[in-house]
Amino acid sequence: MTKSTSLFLAAVVAASLMGTAAFADAKSGQKVYLKTLKAKFNMNGTKFAAEHTVAEWEDLFANGAAGFIKEYSAKYPAAIPVLTNPEMKDKLQEVGDFAKEYGSDSGNVPSCG
C-alpha cells in the first residue's frame, strides 16, 4: 500500500470514530430526555427536537444550558425542579447533543416518535 493510501484510510477510520462518539452523546441525550423530560414537556422526542433549528439549540445550550433552562422553565413550570437540579447539569448537555443532532433543519429524525 502506498503512503497516501495508508494516510487516507487512517483519516477515514478517525473520522468514523469521531462521528460515532457524537452520535453516542445524542443517544444518551435521547435517553435522558425520554426518562426525565418527556412527561414534563408532554411531547415526544421527535416533536421536542424539531422545536428549534440546530443553531437555535446551540444558542440555548450555550453557557451551561442557561437559555434552555430559562425558556423551558417559562413554558413548563412543572419542569423547573428537574431543569435546575445540579445533578442534571451534565445530563442537560447530553439533551443538548440530542436536540442539536435532530434539530428541525438537521435532516435527521430520531427513533423516539
Protein backbone atom coordinates (compact mmCIF):
# COMPACT_ATOMS: atom_id res chain seq x y z
CA MET A 1 0.00 0.00 0.00
CA THR A 2 1.27 3.43 -0.78
CA LYS A 3 1.83 6.02 1.90
CA SER A 4 -1.01 8.24 0.63
CA THR A 5 -3.46 5.33 0.66
CA SER A 6 -2.49 4.48 4.22
CA LEU A 7 -2.97 8.08 5.32
CA PHE A 8 -6.34 8.23 3.59
CA LEU A 9 -7.55 5.04 5.29
CA ALA A 10 -6.33 6.29 8.67
CA ALA A 11 -8.23 9.54 8.14
CA VAL A 12 -11.40 7.65 7.21
CA VAL A 13 -11.17 5.49 10.33
CA ALA A 14 -10.53 8.53 12.55
CA ALA A 15 -13.48 10.41 11.04
CA SER A 16 -15.81 7.47 11.52
CA LEU A 17 -14.82 7.17 15.17
CA MET A 18 -15.49 10.86 15.79
CA GLY A 19 -18.93 10.57 14.20
CA THR A 20 -19.74 7.60 16.39
CA ALA A 21 -18.76 9.47 19.54
CA ALA A 22 -21.02 12.42 18.66
CA PHE A 23 -23.90 10.08 17.87
CA ALA A 24 -23.37 8.28 21.19
CA ASP A 25 -23.87 11.58 23.05
CA ALA A 26 -27.08 12.17 21.10
CA LYS A 27 -28.30 8.69 22.03
CA SER A 28 -27.52 9.34 25.71
CA GLY A 29 -29.35 12.65 25.49
CA GLN A 30 -32.32 10.94 23.90
CA LYS A 31 -32.48 8.51 26.81
CA VAL A 32 -32.24 11.35 29.34
CA TYR A 33 -34.97 13.27 27.53
CA LEU A 34 -37.31 10.28 27.42
CA LYS A 35 -36.67 9.36 31.06
CA THR A 36 -36.75 12.78 32.73
CA LEU A 37 -38.23 15.45 30.47
CA LYS A 38 -40.78 13.84 28.15
CA ALA A 39 -43.52 13.72 30.79
CA LYS A 40 -42.77 17.28 31.94
CA PHE A 41 -42.89 18.72 28.42
CA ASN A 42 -45.74 16.45 27.28
CA MET A 43 -44.19 15.78 23.87
CA ASN A 44 -42.19 13.00 22.29
CA GLY A 45 -38.54 13.38 21.37
CA THR A 46 -39.22 13.98 17.69
CA LYS A 47 -41.50 16.93 18.38
CA PHE A 48 -39.13 18.29 21.04
CA ALA A 49 -36.06 18.23 18.79
CA ALA A 50 -37.99 19.84 15.94
CA GLU A 51 -38.93 22.87 18.05
CA HIS A 52 -35.71 24.67 17.09
CA THR A 53 -33.05 24.66 14.39
CA VAL A 54 -29.57 23.32 15.13
CA ALA A 55 -28.21 26.87 15.53
CA GLU A 56 -31.03 27.78 17.91
CA TRP A 57 -30.33 24.68 20.02
CA GLU A 58 -26.64 25.59 20.11
CA ASP A 59 -27.55 29.03 21.47
CA LEU A 60 -29.98 27.60 24.02
CA PHE A 61 -27.45 25.09 25.34
CA ALA A 62 -24.54 27.54 25.49
CA ASN A 63 -23.36 28.75 28.91
CA GLY A 64 -24.44 25.65 30.79
CA ALA A 65 -27.82 25.45 29.06
CA ALA A 66 -28.90 28.77 30.58
CA GLY A 67 -31.12 29.70 27.62
CA PHE A 68 -32.72 26.27 27.56
CA ILE A 69 -33.44 26.34 31.28
CA LYS A 70 -34.91 29.86 31.03
CA GLU A 71 -37.12 29.13 28.00
CA TYR A 72 -38.39 25.74 29.10
CA SER A 73 -38.90 26.80 32.73
CA ALA A 74 -41.17 29.57 31.47
CA LYS A 75 -43.06 27.22 29.14
CA TYR A 76 -43.27 24.31 31.59
CA PRO A 77 -43.18 25.49 35.24
CA ALA A 78 -43.60 21.92 36.49
CA ALA A 79 -40.18 21.13 34.97
CA ILE A 80 -38.30 23.76 36.98
CA PRO A 81 -37.16 21.37 39.75
CA VAL A 82 -35.73 18.97 37.15
CA LEU A 83 -34.15 21.66 34.98
CA THR A 84 -32.47 23.42 37.90
CA ASN A 85 -31.31 20.29 39.71
CA PRO A 86 -27.47 20.42 39.94
CA GLU A 87 -27.33 16.69 39.15
CA MET A 88 -28.92 17.43 35.76
CA LYS A 89 -26.15 19.81 34.63
CA ASP A 90 -24.17 17.20 32.65
CA LYS A 91 -27.32 15.42 31.56
CA LEU A 92 -28.71 18.62 30.08
CA GLN A 93 -25.64 18.86 27.86
CA GLU A 94 -26.46 15.37 26.60
CA VAL A 95 -30.04 16.50 25.93
CA GLY A 96 -28.48 19.39 24.02
CA ASP A 97 -26.45 16.95 21.92
CA PHE A 98 -29.69 15.09 21.16
CA ALA A 99 -31.55 18.29 20.27
CA LYS A 100 -28.71 19.53 18.03
CA GLU A 101 -28.40 16.16 16.27
CA TYR A 102 -32.12 16.15 15.43
CA GLY A 103 -32.91 19.88 15.16
CA SER A 104 -35.61 20.91 12.70
CA ASP A 105 -33.11 21.72 9.94
CA SER A 106 -30.73 18.80 10.53
CA GLY A 107 -32.42 16.33 8.19
CA ASN A 108 -32.17 13.67 10.91
CA VAL A 109 -35.19 12.06 12.57
CA PRO A 110 -34.88 10.37 15.98
CA SER A 111 -36.37 6.96 16.56
CA CYS A 112 -38.29 8.04 19.67
CA GLY A 113 -41.51 9.18 18.00
